[in-house]
Amino acid sequence: MACVIGECARVLKPNARLFMVNDNVRYAGVSVSVDIILSDIAEALGFEVEKILVVSAKKGNSSQQMGTYGRVPLRKCVYVWRKR
């Protein structure tokens, strides 16, 4: 994803917005805040984080995770970044 964000930073004009939709995930039962991690990467690659919008429908984790760790709703977000 860092490569994708980097390429977007390369080809977008200054002040252009980039919208991205992504879900947070669980790994070995631990929630991973992908929205925050990718936004930090985007800032390092030349974007300003304008908003992180949380979609109201909560995504569940994978069936493999649910069998072992139970069902935990995870955030699905829309990121709004502006190229500096």
PDB file of N, CA and C in Angstrom:
ATOM      1  N   MET A   1       0.825  -1.188   0.000  1.00  0.00           N
ATOM      2  CA  MET A   1       0.000   0.000   0.000  1.00  0.00           C
ATOM      3  C   MET A   1       0.873   1.257   0.000  1.00  0.00           C
ATOM      4  N   ALA A   2       2.033   1.192   0.642  1.00  0.00           N
ATOM      5  CA  ALA A   2       2.933   2.348   0.635  1.00  0.00           C
ATOM      6  C   ALA A   2       3.356   2.684  -0.799  1.00  0.00           C
ATOM      7  N   CYS A   3       3.575   1.664  -1.624  1.00  0.00           N
ATOM      8  CA  CYS A   3       3.941   1.894  -3.028  1.00  0.00           C
ATOM      9  C   CYS A   3       2.792   2.546  -3.790  1.00  0.00           C
ATOM     10  N   VAL A   4       1.573   2.115  -3.527  1.00  0.00           N
ATOM     11  CA  VAL A   4       0.398   2.700  -4.190  1.00  0.00           C
ATOM     12  C   VAL A   4       0.251   4.163  -3.788  1.00  0.00           C
ATOM     13  N   ILE A   5       0.370   4.437  -2.499  1.00  0.00           N
ATOM     14  CA  ILE A   5       0.251   5.818  -2.012  1.00  0.00           C
ATOM     15  C   ILE A   5       1.386   6.671  -2.582  1.00  0.00           C
ATOM     16  N   GLY A   6       2.583   6.125  -2.626  1.00  0.00           N
ATOM     17  CA  GLY A   6       3.722   6.840  -3.193  1.00  0.00           C
ATOM     18  C   GLY A   6       3.521   7.176  -4.665  1.00  0.00           C
ATOM     19  N   GLU A   7       2.976   6.245  -5.422  1.00  0.00           N
ATOM     20  CA  GLU A   7       2.715   6.494  -6.845  1.00  0.00           C
ATOM     21  C   GLU A   7       1.632   7.556  -7.012  1.00  0.00           C
ATOM     22  N   CYS A   8       0.620   7.521  -6.175  1.00  0.00           N
ATOM     23  CA  CYS A   8      -0.418   8.562  -6.210  1.00  0.00           C
ATOM     24  C   CYS A   8       0.202   9.923  -5.914  1.00  0.00           C
ATOM     25  N   ALA A   9       1.092   9.979  -4.942  1.00  0.00           N
ATOM     26  CA  ALA A   9       1.770  11.233  -4.613  1.00  0.00           C
ATOM     27  C   ALA A   9       2.601  11.729  -5.798  1.00  0.00           C
ATOM     28  N   ARG A  10       3.174  10.794  -6.533  1.00  0.00           N
ATOM     29  CA  ARG A  10       4.000  11.169  -7.686  1.00  0.00           C
ATOM     30  C   ARG A  10       3.174  11.749  -8.823  1.00  0.00           C
ATOM     31  N   VAL A  11       2.014  11.167  -9.117  1.00  0.00           N
ATOM     32  CA  VAL A  11       1.266  11.562 -10.307  1.00  0.00           C
ATOM     33  C   VAL A  11       0.210  12.643 -10.060  1.00  0.00           C
ATOM     34  N   LEU A  12      -0.217  12.820  -8.821  1.00  0.00           N
ATOM     35  CA  LEU A  12      -1.246  13.829  -8.560  1.00  0.00           C
ATOM     36  C   LEU A  12      -0.648  15.227  -8.522  1.00  0.00           C
ATOM     37  N   LYS A  13      -1.435  16.194  -8.976  1.00  0.00           N
ATOM     38  CA  LYS A  13      -1.013  17.591  -8.932  1.00  0.00           C
ATOM     39  C   LYS A  13      -1.152  18.118  -7.510  1.00  0.00           C
ATOM     40  N   PRO A  14      -0.412  19.165  -7.172  1.00  0.00           N
ATOM     41  CA  PRO A  14      -0.567  19.761  -5.838  1.00  0.00           C
ATOM     42  C   PRO A  14      -2.025  20.168  -5.576  1.00  0.00           C
ATOM     43  N   ASN A  15      -2.469  19.990  -4.359  1.00  0.00           N
ATOM     44  CA  ASN A  15      -3.829  20.275  -3.881  1.00  0.00           C
ATOM     45  C   ASN A  15      -4.878  19.281  -4.364  1.00  0.00           C
ATOM     46  N   ALA A  16      -4.477  18.268  -5.139  1.00  0.00           N
ATOM     47  CA  ALA A  16      -5.431  17.241  -5.562  1.00  0.00           C
ATOM     48  C   ALA A  16      -5.807  16.384  -4.355  1.00  0.00           C
ATOM     49  N   ARG A  17      -7.039  15.918  -4.338  1.00  0.00           N
ATOM     50  CA  ARG A  17      -7.487  15.034  -3.259  1.00  0.00           C
ATOM     51  C   ARG A  17      -7.403  13.584  -3.713  1.00  0.00           C
ATOM     52  N   LEU A  18      -7.108  12.738  -2.733  1.00  0.00           N
ATOM     53  CA  LEU A  18      -7.123  11.295  -2.945  1.00  0.00           C
ATOM     54  C   LEU A  18      -8.098  10.702  -1.942  1.00  0.00           C
ATOM     55  N   PHE A  19      -9.047   9.931  -2.428  1.00  0.00           N
ATOM     56  CA  PHE A  19     -10.005   9.231  -1.581  1.00  0.00           C
ATOM     57  C   PHE A  19      -9.665   7.747  -1.625  1.00  0.00           C
ATOM     58  N   MET A  20      -9.625   7.127  -0.467  1.00  0.00           N
ATOM     59  CA  MET A  20      -9.339   5.701  -0.404  1.00  0.00           C
ATOM     60  C   MET A  20     -10.277   5.060   0.612  1.00  0.00           C
ATOM     61  N   VAL A  21     -10.766   3.879   0.285  1.00  0.00           N
ATOM     62  CA  VAL A  21     -11.640   3.124   1.189  1.00  0.00           C
ATOM     63  C   VAL A  21     -10.889   1.875   1.613  1.00  0.00           C
ATOM     64  N   ASN A  22     -10.898   1.603   2.912  1.00  0.00           N
ATOM     65  CA  ASN A  22     -10.193   0.432   3.405  1.00  0.00           C
ATOM     66  C   ASN A  22     -10.772   0.030   4.757  1.00  0.00           C
ATOM     67  N   ASP A  23     -10.577  -1.215   5.122  1.00  0.00           N
ATOM     68  CA  ASP A  23     -11.043  -1.732   6.406  1.00  0.00           C
ATOM     69  C   ASP A  23      -9.866  -1.918   7.341  1.00  0.00           C
ATOM     70  N   ASN A  24     -10.147  -1.780   8.611  1.00  0.00           N
ATOM     71  CA  ASN A  24      -9.167  -2.224   9.595  1.00  0.00           C
ATOM     72  C   ASN A  24      -9.235  -3.740   9.652  1.00  0.00           C
ATOM     73  N   VAL A  25      -8.229  -4.371  10.223  1.00  0.00           N
ATOM     74  CA  VAL A  25      -8.145  -5.835  10.221  1.00  0.00           C
ATOM     75  C   VAL A  25      -7.783  -6.343  11.612  1.00  0.00           C
ATOM     76  N   ARG A  26      -7.820  -7.657  11.742  1.00  0.00           N
ATOM     77  CA  ARG A  26      -7.305  -8.325  12.943  1.00  0.00           C
ATOM     78  C   ARG A  26      -6.222  -9.291  12.518  1.00  0.00           C
ATOM     79  N   TYR A  27      -5.196  -9.361  13.329  1.00  0.00           N
ATOM     80  CA  TYR A  27      -4.123 -10.319  13.092  1.00  0.00           C
ATOM     81  C   TYR A  27      -3.868 -11.026  14.411  1.00  0.00           C
ATOM     82  N   ALA A  28      -4.042 -12.349  14.414  1.00  0.00           N
ATOM     83  CA  ALA A  28      -3.872 -13.154  15.632  1.00  0.00           C
ATOM     84  C   ALA A  28      -4.714 -12.597  16.776  1.00  0.00           C
ATOM     85  N   GLY A  29      -5.916 -12.130  16.435  1.00  0.00           N
ATOM     86  CA  GLY A  29      -6.847 -11.636  17.442  1.00  0.00           C
ATOM     87  C   GLY A  29      -6.656 -10.197  17.854  1.00  0.00           C
ATOM     88  N   VAL A  30      -5.625  -9.528  17.335  1.00  0.00           N
ATOM     89  CA  VAL A  30      -5.345  -8.142  17.701  1.00  0.00           C
ATOM     90  C   VAL A  30      -5.821  -7.223  16.583  1.00  0.00           C
ATOM     91  N   SER A  31      -6.617  -6.208  16.933  1.00  0.00           N
ATOM     92  CA  SER A  31      -7.076  -5.236  15.940  1.00  0.00           C
ATOM     93  C   SER A  31      -5.917  -4.365  15.489  1.00  0.00           C
ATOM     94  N   VAL A  32      -5.839  -4.158  14.171  1.00  0.00           N
ATOM     95  CA  VAL A  32      -4.798  -3.314  13.578  1.00  0.00           C
ATOM     96  C   VAL A  32      -5.486  -2.105  12.963  1.00  0.00           C
ATOM     97  N   SER A  33      -5.092  -0.913  13.392  1.00  0.00           N
ATOM     98  CA  SER A  33      -5.696   0.341  12.902  1.00  0.00           C
ATOM     99  C   SER A  33      -5.055   0.733  11.576  1.00  0.00           C
ATOM    100  N   VAL A  34      -5.491   0.097  10.518  1.00  0.00           N
ATOM    101  CA  VAL A  34      -4.946   0.338   9.186  1.00  0.00           C
ATOM    102  C   VAL A  34      -5.176   1.786   8.771  1.00  0.00           C
ATOM    103  N   ASP A  35      -6.307   2.373   9.165  1.00  0.00           N
ATOM    104  CA  ASP A  35      -6.611   3.751   8.796  1.00  0.00           C
ATOM    105  C   ASP A  35      -5.539   4.714   9.310  1.00  0.00           C
ATOM    106  N   ILE A  36      -5.105   4.529  10.536  1.00  0.00           N
ATOM    107  CA  ILE A  36      -4.085   5.403  11.117  1.00  0.00           C
ATOM    108  C   ILE A  36      -2.714   5.128  10.498  1.00  0.00           C
ATOM    109  N   ILE A  37      -2.396   3.859  10.301  1.00  0.00           N
ATOM    110  CA  ILE A  37      -1.097   3.491   9.730  1.00  0.00           C
ATOM    111  C   ILE A  37      -0.950   4.045   8.316  1.00  0.00           C
ATOM    112  N   LEU A  38      -1.971   3.840   7.474  1.00  0.00           N
ATOM    113  CA  LEU A  38      -1.885   4.334   6.096  1.00  0.00           C
ATOM    114  C   LEU A  38      -1.880   5.857   6.047  1.00  0.00           C
ATOM    115  N   SER A  39      -2.600   6.507   6.947  1.00  0.00           N
ATOM    116  CA  SER A  39      -2.591   7.971   6.975  1.00  0.00           C
ATOM    117  C   SER A  39      -1.221   8.501   7.389  1.00  0.00           C
ATOM    118  N   ASP A  40      -0.551   7.827   8.306  1.00  0.00           N
ATOM    119  CA  ASP A  40       0.819   8.215   8.672  1.00  0.00           C
ATOM    120  C   ASP A  40       1.761   8.065   7.483  1.00  0.00           C
ATOM    121  N   ILE A  41       1.609   6.977   6.739  1.00  0.00           N
ATOM    122  CA  ILE A  41       2.428   6.768   5.538  1.00  0.00           C
ATOM    123  C   ILE A  41       2.137   7.862   4.514  1.00  0.00           C
ATOM    124  N   ALA A  42       0.859   8.183   4.326  1.00  0.00           N
ATOM    125  CA  ALA A  42       0.469   9.218   3.359  1.00  0.00           C
ATOM    126  C   ALA A  42       1.090  10.566   3.729  1.00  0.00           C
ATOM    127  N   GLU A  43       1.083  10.902   5.009  1.00  0.00           N
ATOM    128  CA  GLU A  43       1.696  12.166   5.444  1.00  0.00           C
ATOM    129  C   GLU A  43       3.192  12.171   5.145  1.00  0.00           C
ATOM    130  N   ALA A  44       3.849  11.059   5.369  1.00  0.00           N
ATOM    131  CA  ALA A  44       5.289  10.968   5.108  1.00  0.00           C
ATOM    132  C   ALA A  44       5.602  11.080   3.616  1.00  0.00           C
ATOM    133  N   LEU A  45       4.615  10.731   2.779  1.00  0.00           N
ATOM    134  CA  LEU A  45       4.832  10.750   1.326  1.00  0.00           C
ATOM    135  C   LEU A  45       4.278  12.000   0.653  1.00  0.00           C
ATOM    136  N   GLY A  46       3.850  12.985   1.456  1.00  0.00           N
ATOM    137  CA  GLY A  46       3.469  14.271   0.856  1.00  0.00           C
ATOM    138  C   GLY A  46       1.986  14.594   0.856  1.00  0.00           C
ATOM    139  N   PHE A  47       1.201  13.888   1.620  1.00  0.00           N
ATOM    140  CA  PHE A  47      -0.228  14.191   1.711  1.00  0.00           C
ATOM    141  C   PHE A  47      -0.547  14.825   3.061  1.00  0.00           C
ATOM    142  N   GLU A  48      -1.601  15.596   3.078  1.00  0.00           N
ATOM    143  CA  GLU A  48      -2.178  16.115   4.315  1.00  0.00           C
ATOM    144  C   GLU A  48      -3.462  15.324   4.556  1.00  0.00           C
ATOM    145  N   VAL A  49      -3.650  14.813   5.745  1.00  0.00           N
ATOM    146  CA  VAL A  49      -4.865  14.071   6.071  1.00  0.00           C
ATOM    147  C   VAL A  49      -5.956  15.079   6.386  1.00  0.00           C
ATOM    148  N   GLU A  50      -6.961  15.149   5.518  1.00  0.00           N
ATOM    149  CA  GLU A  50      -8.078  16.069   5.765  1.00  0.00           C
ATOM    150  C   GLU A  50      -9.112  15.438   6.684  1.00  0.00           C
ATOM    151  N   LYS A  51      -9.481  14.189   6.389  1.00  0.00           N
ATOM    152  CA  LYS A  51     -10.511  13.504   7.167  1.00  0.00           C
ATOM    153  C   LYS A  51     -10.309  12.006   7.083  1.00  0.00           C
ATOM    154  N   ILE A  52     -10.768  11.328   8.111  1.00  0.00           N
ATOM    155  CA  ILE A  52     -10.945   9.881   8.069  1.00  0.00           C
ATOM    156  C   ILE A  52     -12.399   9.657   8.459  1.00  0.00           C
ATOM    157  N   LEU A  53     -13.201   9.289   7.488  1.00  0.00           N
ATOM    158  CA  LEU A  53     -14.633   9.095   7.703  1.00  0.00           C
ATOM    159  C   LEU A  53     -14.901   7.633   8.018  1.00  0.00           C
ATOM    160  N   VAL A  54     -15.623   7.384   9.086  1.00  0.00           N
ATOM    161  CA  VAL A  54     -15.952   6.010   9.468  1.00  0.00           C
ATOM    162  C   VAL A  54     -17.307   5.660   8.866  1.00  0.00           C
ATOM    163  N   VAL A  55     -17.362   4.588   8.088  1.00  0.00           N
ATOM    164  CA  VAL A  55     -18.599   4.097   7.485  1.00  0.00           C
ATOM    165  C   VAL A  55     -19.404   3.417   8.592  1.00  0.00           C
ATOM    166  N   SER A  56     -20.706   3.651   8.626  1.00  0.00           N
ATOM    167  CA  SER A  56     -21.525   3.189   9.751  1.00  0.00           C
ATOM    168  C   SER A  56     -21.600   1.670   9.880  1.00  0.00           C
ATOM    169  N   ALA A  57     -21.592   0.947   8.774  1.00  0.00           N
ATOM    170  CA  ALA A  57     -21.678  -0.520   8.854  1.00  0.00           C
ATOM    171  C   ALA A  57     -20.355  -1.076   9.358  1.00  0.00           C
ATOM    172  N   LYS A  58     -20.397  -1.816  10.447  1.00  0.00           N
ATOM    173  CA  LYS A  58     -19.170  -2.381  11.032  1.00  0.00           C
ATOM    174  C   LYS A  58     -18.885  -3.732  10.392  1.00  0.00           C
ATOM    175  N   LYS A  59     -17.710  -3.867   9.866  1.00  0.00           N
ATOM    176  CA  LYS A  59     -17.291  -5.117   9.234  1.00  0.00           C
ATOM    177  C   LYS A  59     -16.863  -6.099  10.322  1.00  0.00           C
ATOM    178  N   GLY A  60     -17.189  -7.349  10.134  1.00  0.00           N
ATOM    179  CA  GLY A  60     -16.706  -8.386  11.048  1.00  0.00           C
ATOM    180  C   GLY A  60     -15.372  -8.914  10.567  1.00  0.00           C
ATOM    181  N   ASN A  61     -14.669  -9.579  11.440  1.00  0.00           N
ATOM    182  CA  ASN A  61     -13.397 -10.161  11.035  1.00  0.00           C
ATOM    183  C   ASN A  61     -13.639 -11.467  10.274  1.00  0.00           C
ATOM    184  N   SER A  62     -12.587 -12.038   9.750  1.00  0.00           N
ATOM    185  CA  SER A  62     -12.713 -13.237   8.931  1.00  0.00           C
ATOM    186  C   SER A  62     -13.228 -14.421   9.750  1.00  0.00           C
ATOM    187  N   SER A  63     -13.777 -15.406   9.066  1.00  0.00           N
ATOM    188  CA  SER A  63     -14.324 -16.579   9.753  1.00  0.00           C
ATOM    189  C   SER A  63     -13.238 -17.333  10.510  1.00  0.00           C
ATOM    190  N   GLN A  64     -12.002 -17.327   9.995  1.00  0.00           N
ATOM    191  CA  GLN A  64     -10.911 -17.978  10.705  1.00  0.00           C
ATOM    192  C   GLN A  64     -10.649 -17.272  12.041  1.00  0.00           C
ATOM    193  N   GLN A  65     -10.675 -15.950  12.032  1.00  0.00           N
ATOM    194  CA  GLN A  65     -10.472 -15.178  13.259  1.00  0.00           C
ATOM    195  C   GLN A  65     -11.651 -15.378  14.220  1.00  0.00           C
ATOM    196  N   MET A  66     -12.875 -15.402  13.687  1.00  0.00           N
ATOM    197  CA  MET A  66     -14.058 -15.547  14.548  1.00  0.00           C
ATOM    198  C   MET A  66     -14.052 -16.880  15.275  1.00  0.00           C
ATOM    199  N   GLY A  67     -13.623 -17.945  14.586  1.00  0.00           N
ATOM    200  CA  GLY A  67     -13.599 -19.254  15.215  1.00  0.00           C
ATOM    201  C   GLY A  67     -12.674 -19.303  16.420  1.00  0.00           C
ATOM    202  N   THR A  68     -11.577 -18.598  16.337  1.00  0.00           N
ATOM    203  CA  THR A  68     -10.585 -18.623  17.412  1.00  0.00           C
ATOM    204  C   THR A  68     -10.798 -17.514  18.437  1.00  0.00           C
ATOM    205  N   TYR A  69     -11.118 -16.296  17.974  1.00  0.00           N
ATOM    206  CA  TYR A  69     -11.127 -15.135  18.855  1.00  0.00           C
ATOM    207  C   TYR A  69     -12.504 -14.502  19.041  1.00  0.00           C
ATOM    208  N   GLY A  70     -13.538 -15.013  18.377  1.00  0.00           N
ATOM    209  CA  GLY A  70     -14.866 -14.413  18.475  1.00  0.00           C
ATOM    210  C   GLY A  70     -15.037 -13.284  17.472  1.00  0.00           C
ATOM    211  N   ARG A  71     -16.285 -12.821  17.337  1.00  0.00           N
ATOM    212  CA  ARG A  71     -16.572 -11.761  16.362  1.00  0.00           C
ATOM    213  C   ARG A  71     -16.385 -10.404  17.014  1.00  0.00           C
ATOM    214  N   VAL A  72     -15.580  -9.576  16.377  1.00  0.00           N
ATOM    215  CA  VAL A  72     -15.358  -8.213  16.845  1.00  0.00           C
ATOM    216  C   VAL A  72     -15.550  -7.289  15.650  1.00  0.00           C
ATOM    217  N   PRO A  73     -16.497  -6.337  15.728  1.00  0.00           N
ATOM    218  CA  PRO A  73     -16.676  -5.410  14.601  1.00  0.00           C
ATOM    219  C   PRO A  73     -15.431  -4.540  14.392  1.00  0.00           C
ATOM    220  N   LEU A  74     -15.094  -4.312  13.139  1.00  0.00           N
ATOM    221  CA  LEU A  74     -13.937  -3.495  12.789  1.00  0.00           C
ATOM    222  C   LEU A  74     -14.382  -2.294  11.961  1.00  0.00           C
ATOM    223  N   ARG A  75     -13.618  -1.201  12.048  1.00  0.00           N
ATOM    224  CA  ARG A  75     -13.969   0.014  11.303  1.00  0.00           C
ATOM    225  C   ARG A  75     -13.681  -0.148   9.821  1.00  0.00           C
ATOM    226  N   LYS A  76     -14.593   0.412   9.034  1.00  0.00           N
ATOM    227  CA  LYS A  76     -14.360   0.589   7.602  1.00  0.00           C
ATOM    228  C   LYS A  76     -14.329   2.094   7.398  1.00  0.00           C
ATOM    229  N   CYS A  77     -13.290   2.591   6.728  1.00  0.00           N
ATOM    230  CA  CYS A  77     -13.101   4.037   6.652  1.00  0.00           C
ATOM    231  C   CYS A  77     -12.900   4.513   5.215  1.00  0.00           C
ATOM    232  N   VAL A  78     -13.241   5.786   5.030  1.00  0.00           N
ATOM    233  CA  VAL A  78     -12.903   6.509   3.799  1.00  0.00           C
ATOM    234  C   VAL A  78     -11.875   7.550   4.212  1.00  0.00           C
ATOM    235  N   TYR A  79     -10.721   7.513   3.573  1.00  0.00           N
ATOM    236  CA  TYR A  79      -9.670   8.484   3.872  1.00  0.00           C
ATOM    237  C   TYR A  79      -9.761   9.601   2.849  1.00  0.00           C
ATOM    238  N   VAL A  80      -9.613  10.819   3.301  1.00  0.00           N
ATOM    239  CA  VAL A  80      -9.564  11.986   2.413  1.00  0.00           C
ATOM    240  C   VAL A  80      -8.215  12.663   2.653  1.00  0.00           C
ATOM    241  N   TRP A  81      -7.352  12.563   1.663  1.00  0.00           N
ATOM    242  CA  TRP A  81      -6.009  13.137   1.758  1.00  0.00           C
ATOM    243  C   TRP A  81      -5.840  14.166   0.646  1.00  0.00           C
ATOM    244  N   ARG A  82      -5.097  15.214   0.943  1.00  0.00           N
ATOM    245  CA  ARG A  82      -4.795  16.246  -0.073  1.00  0.00           C
ATOM    246  C   ARG A  82      -3.280  16.294  -0.275  1.00  0.00           C
ATOM    247  N   LYS A  83      -2.899  16.288  -1.550  1.00  0.00           N
ATOM    248  CA  LYS A  83      -1.461  16.360  -1.859  1.00  0.00           C
ATOM    249  C   LYS A  83      -0.959  17.764  -1.568  1.00  0.00           C
ATOM    250  N   ARG A  84       0.159  17.833  -0.846  1.00  0.00           N
ATOM    251  CA  ARG A  84       0.754  19.149  -0.549  1.00  0.00           C
ATOM    252  C   ARG A  84       1.477  19.685  -1.755  1.00  0.00           C
TER     253      ARG A  84
END
